[in-house]
Amino acid sequence: MTVHVFNPRVPEQDILTFLTRFVDVQSVGQKVTDGLNIWTCKRRYLVRLRSNSLEEDGVSHPPAYFSIGPSRGYLFYPGQPLTCKKCFQRGHKAVDCTRAFCRKCKAADHETANCGKLSTCNLCGSMDHVYRSCPRKQKSFAAIVK
């Protein structure tokens, strides 16, 4: 799986914490470099998708587009389903999207500007705090990967 976070200062430990919510991470990320050996802000991870009998193909797919704190990113891997980066639903692209969608609470009946719900932590998924005060932020790789 290749993960691209636009902010190069997001610690790898935070990326690992985020990924472990959705997949089983098998190795530390390897930085991806270009032809001049310059880091592209992408990292490659060996991961195992988790099985899920409720999904069409029998596995749970991590979100293609995500935020870790204020930093946005995306991930991609072979066999990844087509995902809209506006509403995060599968099967269409943002250019064809007609849905209202709230990025804050993930509801499909209003836009983010009209949301009255409290924010959740986009690193660990908890409703008790936000990223800035997340107790799991920047933990060591050994503590995350078993």
N, C-alpha and C. Protein backbone atom coordinates (compact mmCIF):
# COMPACT_ATOMS: atom_id res chain seq x y z
N MET A 1 0.85 -1.16 0.00
CA MET A 1 0.00 0.00 0.00
C MET A 1 0.90 1.23 0.00
N THR A 2 0.58 2.20 -0.82
CA THR A 2 1.32 3.45 -0.87
C THR A 2 0.47 4.54 -0.23
N VAL A 3 1.08 5.27 0.71
CA VAL A 3 0.40 6.35 1.42
C VAL A 3 1.10 7.66 1.06
N HIS A 4 0.31 8.64 0.64
CA HIS A 4 0.85 9.95 0.31
C HIS A 4 0.20 10.98 1.22
N VAL A 5 0.99 11.54 2.13
CA VAL A 5 0.52 12.62 3.00
C VAL A 5 1.19 13.88 2.48
N PHE A 6 0.41 14.91 2.19
CA PHE A 6 0.94 16.12 1.57
C PHE A 6 1.90 16.89 2.48
N ASN A 7 1.75 16.75 3.79
CA ASN A 7 2.64 17.39 4.75
C ASN A 7 3.77 16.42 5.09
N PRO A 8 5.00 16.70 4.69
CA PRO A 8 6.11 15.77 4.95
C PRO A 8 6.49 15.67 6.42
N ARG A 9 5.95 16.54 7.27
CA ARG A 9 6.31 16.53 8.68
C ARG A 9 5.38 15.66 9.54
N VAL A 10 4.39 15.02 8.95
CA VAL A 10 3.55 14.11 9.72
C VAL A 10 4.41 12.92 10.11
N PRO A 11 4.53 12.63 11.39
CA PRO A 11 5.39 11.52 11.83
C PRO A 11 4.88 10.18 11.30
N GLU A 12 5.81 9.31 10.96
CA GLU A 12 5.42 7.99 10.48
C GLU A 12 4.58 7.26 11.53
N GLN A 13 4.87 7.49 12.81
CA GLN A 13 4.11 6.83 13.86
C GLN A 13 2.63 7.20 13.80
N ASP A 14 2.33 8.45 13.44
CA ASP A 14 0.93 8.86 13.31
C ASP A 14 0.28 8.17 12.11
N ILE A 15 1.02 8.02 11.03
CA ILE A 15 0.50 7.32 9.85
C ILE A 15 0.22 5.87 10.21
N LEU A 16 1.13 5.24 10.95
CA LEU A 16 0.93 3.86 11.38
C LEU A 16 -0.29 3.72 12.29
N THR A 17 -0.45 4.64 13.22
CA THR A 17 -1.60 4.61 14.11
C THR A 17 -2.89 4.70 13.31
N PHE A 18 -2.92 5.60 12.33
CA PHE A 18 -4.09 5.74 11.48
C PHE A 18 -4.35 4.45 10.70
N LEU A 19 -3.32 3.91 10.05
CA LEU A 19 -3.48 2.70 9.24
C LEU A 19 -3.98 1.50 10.05
N THR A 20 -3.51 1.36 11.29
CA THR A 20 -3.89 0.20 12.08
C THR A 20 -5.37 0.20 12.46
N ARG A 21 -6.06 1.30 12.25
CA ARG A 21 -7.52 1.31 12.44
C ARG A 21 -8.21 0.49 11.36
N PHE A 22 -7.56 0.31 10.20
CA PHE A 22 -8.22 -0.28 9.04
C PHE A 22 -7.55 -1.54 8.50
N VAL A 23 -6.23 -1.65 8.65
CA VAL A 23 -5.49 -2.78 8.09
C VAL A 23 -4.50 -3.31 9.11
N ASP A 24 -3.96 -4.49 8.85
CA ASP A 24 -2.90 -5.04 9.69
C ASP A 24 -1.57 -4.71 9.02
N VAL A 25 -0.81 -3.81 9.64
CA VAL A 25 0.46 -3.35 9.08
C VAL A 25 1.52 -4.40 9.39
N GLN A 26 2.25 -4.80 8.35
CA GLN A 26 3.25 -5.86 8.49
C GLN A 26 4.68 -5.34 8.55
N SER A 27 4.91 -4.08 8.14
CA SER A 27 6.29 -3.57 8.12
C SER A 27 6.30 -2.05 8.26
N VAL A 28 7.45 -1.53 8.65
CA VAL A 28 7.67 -0.09 8.71
C VAL A 28 7.60 0.47 7.29
N GLY A 29 7.15 1.71 7.15
CA GLY A 29 7.05 2.33 5.83
C GLY A 29 8.41 2.59 5.21
N GLN A 30 8.48 2.40 3.91
CA GLN A 30 9.69 2.70 3.15
C GLN A 30 9.43 3.97 2.34
N LYS A 31 10.30 4.96 2.47
CA LYS A 31 10.12 6.21 1.73
C LYS A 31 10.29 5.94 0.24
N VAL A 32 9.40 6.54 -0.56
CA VAL A 32 9.45 6.42 -2.02
C VAL A 32 10.18 7.64 -2.56
N THR A 33 11.21 7.42 -3.37
CA THR A 33 11.98 8.51 -3.95
C THR A 33 11.83 8.53 -5.47
N ASP A 34 12.12 9.69 -6.05
CA ASP A 34 12.04 9.82 -7.51
C ASP A 34 13.39 9.45 -8.13
N GLY A 35 13.54 9.71 -9.42
CA GLY A 35 14.77 9.37 -10.14
C GLY A 35 16.01 10.07 -9.64
N LEU A 36 15.84 11.21 -8.96
CA LEU A 36 16.97 11.96 -8.40
C LEU A 36 17.18 11.64 -6.93
N ASN A 37 16.51 10.61 -6.45
CA ASN A 37 16.58 10.17 -5.06
C ASN A 37 16.02 11.20 -4.08
N ILE A 38 15.02 11.96 -4.54
CA ILE A 38 14.34 12.94 -3.69
C ILE A 38 13.03 12.32 -3.21
N TRP A 39 12.76 12.42 -1.92
CA TRP A 39 11.57 11.84 -1.33
C TRP A 39 10.31 12.50 -1.89
N THR A 40 9.34 11.70 -2.27
CA THR A 40 8.10 12.18 -2.89
C THR A 40 6.97 12.41 -1.89
N CYS A 41 7.24 12.31 -0.60
CA CYS A 41 6.25 12.38 0.49
C CYS A 41 5.33 11.16 0.50
N LYS A 42 5.74 10.11 -0.17
CA LYS A 42 4.99 8.85 -0.17
C LYS A 42 5.78 7.80 0.60
N ARG A 43 5.02 6.90 1.22
CA ARG A 43 5.63 5.77 1.91
C ARG A 43 4.91 4.50 1.48
N ARG A 44 5.65 3.40 1.38
CA ARG A 44 5.07 2.10 1.04
C ARG A 44 5.06 1.22 2.28
N TYR A 45 3.92 0.56 2.50
CA TYR A 45 3.77 -0.35 3.62
C TYR A 45 3.31 -1.70 3.12
N LEU A 46 3.77 -2.73 3.75
CA LEU A 46 3.24 -4.06 3.52
C LEU A 46 2.10 -4.22 4.52
N VAL A 47 0.89 -4.42 4.01
CA VAL A 47 -0.29 -4.52 4.89
C VAL A 47 -1.13 -5.73 4.49
N ARG A 48 -1.99 -6.11 5.39
CA ARG A 48 -2.96 -7.17 5.11
C ARG A 48 -4.35 -6.57 5.34
N LEU A 49 -5.18 -6.64 4.30
CA LEU A 49 -6.56 -6.17 4.45
C LEU A 49 -7.31 -7.14 5.35
N ARG A 50 -8.22 -6.62 6.15
CA ARG A 50 -8.99 -7.46 7.06
C ARG A 50 -10.22 -8.02 6.35
N SER A 51 -10.56 -9.24 6.67
CA SER A 51 -11.74 -9.85 6.04
C SER A 51 -13.01 -9.24 6.62
N ASN A 52 -14.02 -9.14 5.76
CA ASN A 52 -15.31 -8.58 6.15
C ASN A 52 -16.36 -9.18 5.23
N SER A 53 -17.16 -10.08 5.76
CA SER A 53 -18.15 -10.77 4.94
C SER A 53 -19.26 -9.85 4.46
N LEU A 54 -19.38 -8.66 5.04
CA LEU A 54 -20.42 -7.72 4.61
C LEU A 54 -20.03 -6.94 3.35
N GLU A 55 -18.76 -6.92 3.04
CA GLU A 55 -18.29 -6.22 1.84
C GLU A 55 -18.45 -7.12 0.62
N GLU A 56 -18.64 -6.50 -0.53
CA GLU A 56 -18.85 -7.23 -1.79
C GLU A 56 -17.71 -8.19 -2.11
N ASP A 57 -16.47 -7.75 -1.89
CA ASP A 57 -15.32 -8.60 -2.22
C ASP A 57 -14.75 -9.33 -1.00
N GLY A 58 -15.42 -9.24 0.15
CA GLY A 58 -15.03 -10.00 1.32
C GLY A 58 -13.94 -9.40 2.18
N VAL A 59 -13.48 -8.17 1.87
CA VAL A 59 -12.46 -7.51 2.69
C VAL A 59 -12.87 -6.07 2.97
N SER A 60 -12.36 -5.54 4.08
CA SER A 60 -12.59 -4.13 4.41
C SER A 60 -11.50 -3.30 3.73
N HIS A 61 -11.92 -2.23 3.08
CA HIS A 61 -10.97 -1.34 2.42
C HIS A 61 -10.79 -0.08 3.26
N PRO A 62 -9.55 0.36 3.46
CA PRO A 62 -9.32 1.61 4.19
C PRO A 62 -9.79 2.79 3.35
N PRO A 63 -10.02 3.94 3.98
CA PRO A 63 -10.46 5.11 3.20
C PRO A 63 -9.36 5.56 2.24
N ALA A 64 -9.74 5.83 1.00
CA ALA A 64 -8.77 6.26 -0.01
C ALA A 64 -8.27 7.67 0.28
N TYR A 65 -9.10 8.51 0.85
CA TYR A 65 -8.75 9.90 1.18
C TYR A 65 -8.95 10.08 2.67
N PHE A 66 -8.02 10.77 3.33
CA PHE A 66 -8.08 10.88 4.78
C PHE A 66 -7.38 12.14 5.25
N SER A 67 -7.56 12.43 6.53
CA SER A 67 -6.84 13.51 7.21
C SER A 67 -6.24 12.95 8.48
N ILE A 68 -5.05 13.40 8.80
CA ILE A 68 -4.41 13.12 10.09
C ILE A 68 -4.14 14.50 10.67
N GLY A 69 -4.94 14.87 11.65
CA GLY A 69 -4.88 16.25 12.14
C GLY A 69 -5.28 17.17 10.99
N PRO A 70 -4.53 18.25 10.78
CA PRO A 70 -4.84 19.15 9.67
C PRO A 70 -4.25 18.69 8.33
N SER A 71 -3.52 17.60 8.32
CA SER A 71 -2.82 17.15 7.12
C SER A 71 -3.66 16.15 6.33
N ARG A 72 -3.80 16.41 5.05
CA ARG A 72 -4.57 15.51 4.18
C ARG A 72 -3.66 14.56 3.43
N GLY A 73 -4.26 13.46 3.02
CA GLY A 73 -3.50 12.48 2.26
C GLY A 73 -4.42 11.51 1.56
N TYR A 74 -3.80 10.61 0.83
CA TYR A 74 -4.55 9.55 0.17
C TYR A 74 -3.68 8.31 0.13
N LEU A 75 -4.32 7.18 -0.09
CA LEU A 75 -3.58 5.94 -0.22
C LEU A 75 -4.11 5.16 -1.41
N PHE A 76 -3.26 4.30 -1.93
CA PHE A 76 -3.67 3.47 -3.06
C PHE A 76 -2.93 2.15 -3.03
N TYR A 77 -3.57 1.15 -3.63
CA TYR A 77 -3.03 -0.20 -3.65
C TYR A 77 -3.72 -0.99 -4.75
N PRO A 78 -3.12 -2.08 -5.22
CA PRO A 78 -3.75 -2.89 -6.28
C PRO A 78 -5.10 -3.44 -5.81
N GLY A 79 -6.09 -3.35 -6.67
CA GLY A 79 -7.42 -3.85 -6.35
C GLY A 79 -8.28 -2.89 -5.55
N GLN A 80 -7.79 -1.68 -5.34
CA GLN A 80 -8.55 -0.69 -4.58
C GLN A 80 -9.79 -0.27 -5.35
N PRO A 81 -10.97 -0.22 -4.69
CA PRO A 81 -12.18 0.21 -5.39
C PRO A 81 -12.16 1.70 -5.72
N LEU A 82 -12.82 2.09 -6.80
CA LEU A 82 -12.95 3.48 -7.20
C LEU A 82 -13.71 4.22 -6.10
N THR A 83 -13.16 5.35 -5.62
CA THR A 83 -13.75 6.09 -4.51
C THR A 83 -13.81 7.57 -4.83
N CYS A 84 -14.94 8.20 -4.50
CA CYS A 84 -15.14 9.64 -4.70
C CYS A 84 -14.44 10.42 -3.60
N LYS A 85 -13.64 11.43 -3.96
CA LYS A 85 -12.95 12.20 -2.93
C LYS A 85 -13.80 13.34 -2.38
N LYS A 86 -15.03 13.49 -2.87
CA LYS A 86 -15.95 14.49 -2.30
C LYS A 86 -16.82 13.86 -1.21
N CYS A 87 -17.45 12.75 -1.51
CA CYS A 87 -18.37 12.12 -0.55
C CYS A 87 -17.83 10.83 0.05
N PHE A 88 -16.69 10.37 -0.43
CA PHE A 88 -16.01 9.17 0.06
C PHE A 88 -16.78 7.88 -0.22
N GLN A 89 -17.80 7.92 -1.05
CA GLN A 89 -18.54 6.71 -1.41
C GLN A 89 -17.84 6.05 -2.58
N ARG A 90 -18.06 4.77 -2.72
CA ARG A 90 -17.42 4.00 -3.79
C ARG A 90 -18.27 4.00 -5.06
N GLY A 91 -17.58 3.79 -6.18
CA GLY A 91 -18.27 3.57 -7.45
C GLY A 91 -18.33 4.77 -8.38
N HIS A 92 -17.89 5.94 -7.96
CA HIS A 92 -17.90 7.10 -8.85
C HIS A 92 -16.77 8.06 -8.47
N LYS A 93 -16.51 9.02 -9.35
CA LYS A 93 -15.48 10.03 -9.11
C LYS A 93 -16.13 11.33 -8.66
N ALA A 94 -15.35 12.23 -8.07
CA ALA A 94 -15.86 13.50 -7.56
C ALA A 94 -16.52 14.33 -8.65
N VAL A 95 -16.00 14.29 -9.87
CA VAL A 95 -16.56 15.08 -10.97
C VAL A 95 -18.01 14.67 -11.27
N ASP A 96 -18.37 13.42 -10.96
CA ASP A 96 -19.72 12.92 -11.21
C ASP A 96 -20.59 12.92 -9.95
N CYS A 97 -20.08 13.43 -8.84
CA CYS A 97 -20.77 13.35 -7.56
C CYS A 97 -21.87 14.42 -7.44
N THR A 98 -23.04 13.99 -6.99
CA THR A 98 -24.17 14.91 -6.80
C THR A 98 -24.64 14.92 -5.35
N ARG A 99 -23.94 14.25 -4.46
CA ARG A 99 -24.37 14.11 -3.07
C ARG A 99 -23.88 15.25 -2.19
N ALA A 100 -24.71 15.61 -1.21
CA ALA A 100 -24.26 16.48 -0.13
C ALA A 100 -23.54 15.55 0.85
N PHE A 101 -22.47 16.02 1.44
CA PHE A 101 -21.73 15.17 2.36
C PHE A 101 -20.98 16.01 3.36
N CYS A 102 -21.03 15.62 4.62
CA CYS A 102 -20.32 16.31 5.69
C CYS A 102 -19.03 15.57 6.01
N ARG A 103 -17.90 16.23 5.84
CA ARG A 103 -16.60 15.62 6.14
C ARG A 103 -16.38 15.49 7.64
N LYS A 104 -17.11 16.25 8.42
CA LYS A 104 -16.92 16.24 9.87
C LYS A 104 -17.58 15.02 10.52
N CYS A 105 -18.86 14.78 10.21
CA CYS A 105 -19.58 13.68 10.86
C CYS A 105 -19.92 12.55 9.91
N LYS A 106 -19.56 12.70 8.63
CA LYS A 106 -19.75 11.67 7.60
C LYS A 106 -21.22 11.44 7.22
N ALA A 107 -22.10 12.38 7.56
CA ALA A 107 -23.52 12.25 7.21
C ALA A 107 -23.73 12.70 5.77
N ALA A 108 -24.73 12.13 5.12
CA ALA A 108 -25.00 12.44 3.71
C ALA A 108 -26.16 13.41 3.54
N ASP A 109 -26.60 14.05 4.62
CA ASP A 109 -27.77 14.93 4.49
C ASP A 109 -27.45 16.41 4.64
N HIS A 110 -26.17 16.78 4.84
CA HIS A 110 -25.80 18.19 4.96
C HIS A 110 -24.32 18.37 4.62
N GLU A 111 -23.93 19.61 4.38
CA GLU A 111 -22.53 19.95 4.10
C GLU A 111 -21.81 20.24 5.42
N THR A 112 -20.49 20.22 5.40
CA THR A 112 -19.67 20.43 6.59
C THR A 112 -19.96 21.77 7.26
N ALA A 113 -20.17 22.83 6.46
CA ALA A 113 -20.41 24.16 7.02
C ALA A 113 -21.67 24.21 7.88
N ASN A 114 -22.61 23.31 7.65
CA ASN A 114 -23.88 23.30 8.39
C ASN A 114 -23.92 22.23 9.48
N CYS A 115 -22.79 21.67 9.84
CA CYS A 115 -22.75 20.58 10.81
C CYS A 115 -22.66 21.13 12.23
N GLY A 116 -23.49 20.60 13.12
CA GLY A 116 -23.48 21.03 14.51
C GLY A 116 -22.86 20.02 15.45
N LYS A 117 -22.34 18.93 14.91
CA LYS A 117 -21.77 17.88 15.76
C LYS A 117 -20.34 18.20 16.14
N LEU A 118 -19.91 17.61 17.26
CA LEU A 118 -18.54 17.78 17.73
C LEU A 118 -17.58 16.99 16.85
N SER A 119 -16.37 17.48 16.76
CA SER A 119 -15.34 16.79 15.97
C SER A 119 -14.86 15.54 16.70
N THR A 120 -14.41 14.56 15.91
CA THR A 120 -13.80 13.36 16.47
C THR A 120 -12.33 13.35 16.07
N CYS A 121 -11.56 12.51 16.71
CA CYS A 121 -10.13 12.39 16.40
C CYS A 121 -9.99 11.63 15.09
N ASN A 122 -9.36 12.25 14.10
CA ASN A 122 -9.19 11.57 12.82
C ASN A 122 -7.95 10.68 12.79
N LEU A 123 -7.25 10.59 13.91
CA LEU A 123 -6.13 9.66 14.01
C LEU A 123 -6.59 8.31 14.55
N CYS A 124 -7.26 8.33 15.70
CA CYS A 124 -7.66 7.06 16.33
C CYS A 124 -9.16 6.80 16.27
N GLY A 125 -9.97 7.79 15.85
CA GLY A 125 -11.40 7.60 15.70
C GLY A 125 -12.22 7.86 16.95
N SER A 126 -11.60 8.25 18.05
CA SER A 126 -12.30 8.47 19.31
C SER A 126 -13.15 9.74 19.26
N MET A 127 -14.27 9.71 19.98
CA MET A 127 -15.13 10.88 20.07
C MET A 127 -14.81 11.69 21.33
N ASP A 128 -13.84 11.24 22.13
CA ASP A 128 -13.50 11.89 23.39
C ASP A 128 -12.51 13.05 23.24
N HIS A 129 -11.84 13.14 22.10
CA HIS A 129 -10.82 14.16 21.90
C HIS A 129 -10.61 14.38 20.41
N VAL A 130 -9.80 15.37 20.07
CA VAL A 130 -9.41 15.63 18.68
C VAL A 130 -7.93 15.30 18.52
N TYR A 131 -7.44 15.32 17.31
CA TYR A 131 -6.06 14.93 16.99
C TYR A 131 -5.04 15.64 17.88
N ARG A 132 -5.21 16.91 18.07
CA ARG A 132 -4.25 17.71 18.81
C ARG A 132 -3.96 17.14 20.20
N SER A 133 -4.96 16.54 20.84
CA SER A 133 -4.78 15.99 22.19
C SER A 133 -4.84 14.46 22.22
N CYS A 134 -4.64 13.82 21.09
CA CYS A 134 -4.73 12.36 21.01
C CYS A 134 -3.60 11.69 21.79
N PRO A 135 -3.95 10.79 22.71
CA PRO A 135 -2.91 10.11 23.47
C PRO A 135 -2.11 9.10 22.64
N ARG A 136 -2.62 8.73 21.46
CA ARG A 136 -1.92 7.75 20.62
C ARG A 136 -0.98 8.41 19.63
N LYS A 137 -0.93 9.73 19.61
CA LYS A 137 -0.10 10.46 18.66
C LYS A 137 1.38 10.16 18.90
N GLN A 138 2.10 9.82 17.84
CA GLN A 138 3.54 9.61 17.82
C GLN A 138 4.01 8.50 18.74
N LYS A 139 3.26 7.41 18.84
CA LYS A 139 3.74 6.26 19.59
C LYS A 139 4.73 5.49 18.73
N SER A 140 5.51 4.67 19.34
CA SER A 140 6.54 3.94 18.62
C SER A 140 5.93 2.86 17.75
N PHE A 141 6.65 2.49 16.69
CA PHE A 141 6.20 1.46 15.76
C PHE A 141 6.03 0.13 16.48
N ALA A 142 6.90 -0.20 17.40
CA ALA A 142 6.84 -1.47 18.12
C ALA A 142 5.55 -1.59 18.93
N ALA A 143 5.05 -0.46 19.44
CA ALA A 143 3.82 -0.48 20.23
C ALA A 143 2.59 -0.61 19.35
N ILE A 144 2.72 -0.24 18.07
CA ILE A 144 1.57 -0.27 17.16
C ILE A 144 1.47 -1.59 16.43
N VAL A 145 2.58 -2.07 15.89
CA VAL A 145 2.60 -3.31 15.13
C VAL A 145 2.96 -4.45 16.06
N LYS A 146 2.15 -5.45 16.09
CA LYS A 146 2.40 -6.58 16.99
C LYS A 146 3.13 -7.67 16.29
